[in-house]
Amino acid sequence: KTGERCHASWHEEMFLRGEFNDWGNDNEGRMMLISSFTWGINVSLSGFVRTRFTPVKDWSKSYGSHPLRELLYNVPDFDPRHQDFSVVPTLSGSEPCRKWMTDRELWSER
């Protein structure tokens, strides 16, 4: 249509599925393409929830799941730092999105 913006994306549509919508396949969680390769949605959540992004209804492709990372190479026992060494945990669920938006001052507590 004339006057509408054109944005590029790898997918025709994108959904945010998770515990907040029972991982549903209806239109709840449908996202809007707000800029090239950038999808957006306004969702109010009362706390941390597990979520994934999927462009298809059959879950053959999805994003947002991080496998557990085992620490393969720890600090050796002879190094005194081994007593308080810790690994930064992998972000999962809605947390990576919240961090990305907070870093860009796009997150609101409302």
N, C-alpha and C. Protein backbone atom coordinates (compact mmCIF):
# COMPACT_ATOMS: atom_id res chain seq x y z
N LYS A 1 0.84 -1.19 0.00
CA LYS A 1 0.00 0.00 0.00
C LYS A 1 0.88 1.24 0.00
N THR A 2 0.42 2.25 -0.63
CA THR A 2 1.17 3.50 -0.70
C THR A 2 1.22 4.16 0.67
N GLY A 3 2.39 4.66 1.04
CA GLY A 3 2.55 5.35 2.31
C GLY A 3 2.92 4.46 3.48
N GLU A 4 2.92 3.14 3.30
CA GLU A 4 3.30 2.24 4.38
C GLU A 4 4.79 1.94 4.31
N ARG A 5 5.38 1.70 5.45
CA ARG A 5 6.79 1.38 5.51
C ARG A 5 7.02 -0.06 5.08
N CYS A 6 8.17 -0.30 4.52
CA CYS A 6 8.56 -1.64 4.10
C CYS A 6 9.75 -2.07 4.95
N HIS A 7 9.60 -3.19 5.69
CA HIS A 7 10.68 -3.71 6.51
C HIS A 7 11.01 -5.12 6.06
N ALA A 8 12.28 -5.46 6.08
CA ALA A 8 12.73 -6.80 5.69
C ALA A 8 12.75 -7.73 6.90
N SER A 9 12.52 -9.00 6.65
CA SER A 9 12.59 -10.00 7.72
C SER A 9 12.86 -11.36 7.09
N TRP A 10 13.45 -12.25 7.87
CA TRP A 10 13.65 -13.61 7.41
C TRP A 10 12.35 -14.40 7.46
N HIS A 11 11.37 -13.92 8.23
CA HIS A 11 10.12 -14.65 8.43
C HIS A 11 8.93 -13.76 8.09
N GLU A 12 7.84 -14.40 7.66
CA GLU A 12 6.61 -13.67 7.33
C GLU A 12 5.86 -13.24 8.59
N GLU A 13 5.97 -14.03 9.65
CA GLU A 13 5.32 -13.70 10.91
C GLU A 13 6.14 -14.25 12.06
N MET A 14 5.88 -13.74 13.27
CA MET A 14 6.61 -14.17 14.46
C MET A 14 5.66 -14.15 15.64
N PHE A 15 5.81 -15.14 16.53
CA PHE A 15 4.98 -15.24 17.72
C PHE A 15 5.86 -15.39 18.95
N LEU A 16 5.41 -14.81 20.04
CA LEU A 16 6.02 -15.02 21.34
C LEU A 16 5.14 -16.02 22.06
N ARG A 17 5.66 -17.22 22.28
CA ARG A 17 4.91 -18.28 22.95
C ARG A 17 5.56 -18.55 24.30
N GLY A 18 4.75 -18.86 25.29
CA GLY A 18 5.34 -19.14 26.58
C GLY A 18 4.32 -19.53 27.62
N GLU A 19 4.79 -19.52 28.85
CA GLU A 19 3.93 -19.89 29.98
C GLU A 19 2.77 -18.91 30.12
N PHE A 20 2.95 -17.67 29.71
CA PHE A 20 1.89 -16.67 29.87
C PHE A 20 0.70 -16.92 28.95
N ASN A 21 0.89 -17.65 27.84
CA ASN A 21 -0.23 -17.96 26.95
C ASN A 21 -0.34 -19.47 26.68
N ASP A 22 0.13 -20.26 27.65
CA ASP A 22 0.06 -21.72 27.58
C ASP A 22 0.69 -22.27 26.29
N TRP A 23 1.74 -21.60 25.81
CA TRP A 23 2.48 -22.02 24.62
C TRP A 23 1.53 -22.16 23.42
N GLY A 24 0.50 -21.34 23.40
CA GLY A 24 -0.59 -21.45 22.42
C GLY A 24 -0.21 -21.16 21.00
N ASN A 25 -1.07 -21.60 20.09
CA ASN A 25 -0.87 -21.37 18.66
C ASN A 25 -1.91 -20.43 18.08
N ASP A 26 -2.64 -19.71 18.94
CA ASP A 26 -3.60 -18.75 18.42
C ASP A 26 -2.89 -17.41 18.19
N ASN A 27 -3.64 -16.36 17.97
CA ASN A 27 -3.05 -15.06 17.68
C ASN A 27 -2.48 -14.35 18.90
N GLU A 28 -2.78 -14.84 20.11
CA GLU A 28 -2.18 -14.24 21.30
C GLU A 28 -0.68 -14.47 21.24
N GLY A 29 0.08 -13.42 21.29
CA GLY A 29 1.52 -13.52 21.16
C GLY A 29 2.03 -13.17 19.77
N ARG A 30 1.11 -12.80 18.87
CA ARG A 30 1.54 -12.40 17.52
C ARG A 30 2.34 -11.10 17.63
N MET A 31 3.48 -11.07 16.97
CA MET A 31 4.35 -9.90 17.02
C MET A 31 4.20 -9.08 15.75
N MET A 32 4.61 -7.81 15.82
CA MET A 32 4.59 -6.91 14.67
C MET A 32 6.01 -6.65 14.22
N LEU A 33 6.22 -6.59 12.92
CA LEU A 33 7.51 -6.23 12.37
C LEU A 33 7.63 -4.71 12.47
N ILE A 34 8.47 -4.23 13.40
CA ILE A 34 8.54 -2.80 13.68
C ILE A 34 9.71 -2.11 12.99
N SER A 35 10.67 -2.88 12.52
CA SER A 35 11.81 -2.36 11.80
C SER A 35 12.42 -3.56 11.08
N SER A 36 13.34 -3.33 10.19
CA SER A 36 13.94 -4.45 9.48
C SER A 36 14.56 -5.43 10.47
N PHE A 37 14.13 -6.69 10.37
CA PHE A 37 14.62 -7.79 11.20
C PHE A 37 14.35 -7.57 12.69
N THR A 38 13.40 -6.73 13.04
CA THR A 38 13.08 -6.43 14.44
C THR A 38 11.59 -6.60 14.67
N TRP A 39 11.24 -7.57 15.50
CA TRP A 39 9.85 -7.84 15.85
C TRP A 39 9.56 -7.26 17.22
N GLY A 40 8.33 -6.81 17.44
CA GLY A 40 7.96 -6.24 18.73
C GLY A 40 6.59 -6.68 19.17
N ILE A 41 6.39 -6.65 20.48
CA ILE A 41 5.09 -6.98 21.08
C ILE A 41 5.04 -6.33 22.45
N ASN A 42 3.87 -5.89 22.87
CA ASN A 42 3.68 -5.37 24.23
C ASN A 42 2.97 -6.44 25.03
N VAL A 43 3.63 -6.90 26.09
CA VAL A 43 3.08 -7.93 26.96
C VAL A 43 3.34 -7.51 28.39
N SER A 44 2.34 -7.61 29.24
CA SER A 44 2.53 -7.33 30.67
C SER A 44 2.68 -8.66 31.40
N LEU A 45 3.79 -8.82 32.10
CA LEU A 45 4.06 -10.04 32.84
C LEU A 45 4.30 -9.68 34.29
N SER A 46 3.86 -10.54 35.19
CA SER A 46 4.02 -10.26 36.61
C SER A 46 5.35 -10.76 37.16
N GLY A 47 6.11 -11.49 36.36
CA GLY A 47 7.39 -12.03 36.82
C GLY A 47 8.07 -12.76 35.69
N PHE A 48 9.14 -13.47 36.01
CA PHE A 48 9.89 -14.23 35.02
C PHE A 48 9.03 -15.36 34.47
N VAL A 49 9.00 -15.50 33.16
CA VAL A 49 8.30 -16.61 32.52
C VAL A 49 9.19 -17.19 31.42
N ARG A 50 9.03 -18.49 31.20
CA ARG A 50 9.76 -19.12 30.09
C ARG A 50 9.04 -18.78 28.81
N THR A 51 9.80 -18.40 27.78
CA THR A 51 9.22 -18.05 26.49
C THR A 51 10.14 -18.51 25.37
N ARG A 52 9.58 -18.56 24.19
CA ARG A 52 10.35 -18.82 22.97
C ARG A 52 9.69 -18.04 21.85
N PHE A 53 10.48 -17.73 20.85
CA PHE A 53 9.97 -17.09 19.64
C PHE A 53 9.85 -18.15 18.57
N THR A 54 8.73 -18.12 17.83
CA THR A 54 8.58 -19.07 16.73
C THR A 54 7.87 -18.41 15.56
N PRO A 55 8.37 -18.61 14.34
CA PRO A 55 7.71 -18.06 13.17
C PRO A 55 6.69 -19.02 12.56
N VAL A 56 6.59 -20.23 13.12
CA VAL A 56 5.69 -21.25 12.55
C VAL A 56 4.86 -21.90 13.66
N LYS A 57 3.71 -22.44 13.28
CA LYS A 57 2.82 -23.03 14.27
C LYS A 57 3.24 -24.43 14.70
N ASP A 58 4.02 -25.13 13.89
CA ASP A 58 4.37 -26.51 14.22
C ASP A 58 5.66 -26.64 15.02
N TRP A 59 6.25 -25.55 15.47
CA TRP A 59 7.46 -25.53 16.28
C TRP A 59 8.68 -26.13 15.58
N SER A 60 8.63 -26.25 14.25
CA SER A 60 9.79 -26.81 13.53
C SER A 60 10.98 -25.85 13.59
N LYS A 61 10.71 -24.60 13.93
CA LYS A 61 11.77 -23.61 14.11
C LYS A 61 11.36 -22.72 15.27
N SER A 62 12.29 -22.49 16.19
CA SER A 62 12.01 -21.58 17.31
C SER A 62 13.32 -21.02 17.82
N TYR A 63 13.21 -19.91 18.56
CA TYR A 63 14.37 -19.22 19.09
C TYR A 63 14.14 -18.89 20.55
N GLY A 64 15.22 -18.74 21.31
CA GLY A 64 15.10 -18.32 22.69
C GLY A 64 15.39 -19.40 23.71
N SER A 65 15.72 -20.59 23.27
CA SER A 65 16.02 -21.68 24.20
C SER A 65 17.53 -21.84 24.29
N HIS A 66 18.04 -21.85 25.50
CA HIS A 66 19.46 -22.02 25.71
C HIS A 66 19.71 -23.32 26.47
N PRO A 67 20.55 -24.17 25.93
CA PRO A 67 20.86 -25.40 26.67
C PRO A 67 21.72 -25.09 27.89
N LEU A 68 21.69 -25.98 28.87
CA LEU A 68 22.55 -25.81 30.03
C LEU A 68 24.00 -25.87 29.58
N ARG A 69 24.81 -24.98 30.15
CA ARG A 69 26.23 -24.98 29.79
C ARG A 69 27.03 -25.57 30.95
N GLU A 70 27.69 -26.67 30.68
CA GLU A 70 28.57 -27.26 31.68
C GLU A 70 29.91 -26.53 31.60
N LEU A 71 30.50 -26.23 32.75
CA LEU A 71 31.80 -25.58 32.79
C LEU A 71 32.85 -26.66 32.56
N LEU A 72 33.44 -26.67 31.36
CA LEU A 72 34.38 -27.72 31.00
C LEU A 72 35.78 -27.49 31.56
N TYR A 73 36.16 -26.24 31.68
CA TYR A 73 37.51 -25.91 32.14
C TYR A 73 37.42 -24.94 33.31
N ASN A 74 37.43 -25.45 34.50
CA ASN A 74 37.37 -24.61 35.68
C ASN A 74 38.77 -24.12 36.03
N VAL A 75 38.86 -23.17 36.92
CA VAL A 75 40.15 -22.70 37.40
C VAL A 75 40.77 -23.85 38.20
N PRO A 76 42.04 -24.19 37.93
CA PRO A 76 42.68 -25.32 38.65
C PRO A 76 42.70 -25.10 40.16
N ASP A 77 42.70 -26.22 40.90
CA ASP A 77 42.69 -26.17 42.36
C ASP A 77 43.89 -25.43 42.95
N PHE A 78 45.04 -25.45 42.28
CA PHE A 78 46.21 -24.77 42.83
C PHE A 78 46.10 -23.24 42.71
N ASP A 79 45.15 -22.76 41.94
CA ASP A 79 44.94 -21.32 41.81
C ASP A 79 43.95 -20.89 42.90
N PRO A 80 44.32 -19.95 43.79
CA PRO A 80 43.43 -19.57 44.88
C PRO A 80 42.09 -18.99 44.41
N ARG A 81 42.01 -18.55 43.17
CA ARG A 81 40.75 -17.99 42.66
C ARG A 81 39.67 -19.06 42.48
N HIS A 82 40.07 -20.33 42.51
CA HIS A 82 39.08 -21.39 42.27
C HIS A 82 38.00 -21.43 43.36
N GLN A 83 38.30 -20.87 44.53
CA GLN A 83 37.35 -20.93 45.63
C GLN A 83 36.14 -20.02 45.43
N ASP A 84 36.31 -18.93 44.69
CA ASP A 84 35.17 -18.02 44.49
C ASP A 84 34.91 -17.74 43.00
N PHE A 85 35.40 -18.62 42.16
CA PHE A 85 35.19 -18.46 40.72
C PHE A 85 33.77 -18.89 40.37
N SER A 86 33.10 -18.09 39.56
CA SER A 86 31.76 -18.47 39.12
C SER A 86 31.56 -18.06 37.67
N VAL A 87 30.68 -18.75 37.03
CA VAL A 87 30.37 -18.51 35.63
C VAL A 87 29.10 -17.68 35.54
N VAL A 88 29.09 -16.70 34.65
CA VAL A 88 27.87 -15.93 34.42
C VAL A 88 26.84 -16.86 33.80
N PRO A 89 25.65 -16.99 34.41
CA PRO A 89 24.66 -17.94 33.88
C PRO A 89 24.11 -17.48 32.52
N THR A 90 23.67 -18.45 31.74
CA THR A 90 23.05 -18.16 30.46
C THR A 90 21.68 -17.54 30.69
N LEU A 91 21.39 -16.45 30.00
CA LEU A 91 20.07 -15.85 30.09
C LEU A 91 19.08 -16.71 29.32
N SER A 92 17.88 -16.85 29.84
CA SER A 92 16.88 -17.67 29.20
C SER A 92 15.50 -17.05 29.38
N GLY A 93 14.53 -17.61 28.70
CA GLY A 93 13.15 -17.12 28.81
C GLY A 93 13.02 -15.69 28.32
N SER A 94 12.30 -14.86 29.06
CA SER A 94 12.07 -13.47 28.66
C SER A 94 13.22 -12.56 29.07
N GLU A 95 14.16 -13.06 29.86
CA GLU A 95 15.24 -12.23 30.38
C GLU A 95 16.15 -11.63 29.31
N PRO A 96 16.56 -12.37 28.24
CA PRO A 96 17.40 -11.73 27.22
C PRO A 96 16.71 -10.55 26.55
N CYS A 97 15.40 -10.67 26.33
CA CYS A 97 14.65 -9.58 25.70
C CYS A 97 14.59 -8.37 26.61
N ARG A 98 14.33 -8.61 27.90
CA ARG A 98 14.26 -7.51 28.86
C ARG A 98 15.60 -6.79 28.94
N LYS A 99 16.70 -7.54 28.97
CA LYS A 99 18.03 -6.93 29.04
C LYS A 99 18.32 -6.11 27.78
N TRP A 100 18.01 -6.67 26.61
CA TRP A 100 18.24 -5.97 25.35
C TRP A 100 17.46 -4.66 25.34
N MET A 101 16.19 -4.70 25.77
CA MET A 101 15.36 -3.49 25.77
C MET A 101 15.83 -2.50 26.83
N THR A 102 16.23 -2.98 28.00
CA THR A 102 16.74 -2.10 29.06
C THR A 102 18.01 -1.39 28.60
N ASP A 103 18.92 -2.13 27.96
CA ASP A 103 20.16 -1.55 27.46
C ASP A 103 19.91 -0.43 26.45
N ARG A 104 18.79 -0.48 25.75
CA ARG A 104 18.47 0.52 24.73
C ARG A 104 17.41 1.52 25.21
N GLU A 105 17.14 1.49 26.53
CA GLU A 105 16.16 2.37 27.16
C GLU A 105 14.78 2.25 26.52
N LEU A 106 14.41 1.02 26.16
CA LEU A 106 13.10 0.75 25.58
C LEU A 106 12.18 0.02 26.57
N TRP A 107 12.68 -0.31 27.74
CA TRP A 107 11.93 -1.07 28.74
C TRP A 107 11.28 -0.12 29.72
N SER A 108 10.03 -0.35 30.00
CA SER A 108 9.30 0.43 30.98
C SER A 108 8.81 -0.49 32.07
N GLU A 109 8.84 -0.05 33.31
CA GLU A 109 8.36 -0.85 34.42
C GLU A 109 6.84 -0.88 34.48
N ARG A 110 6.17 -0.13 33.66
CA ARG A 110 4.70 -0.10 33.65
C ARG A 110 4.13 -1.17 32.79
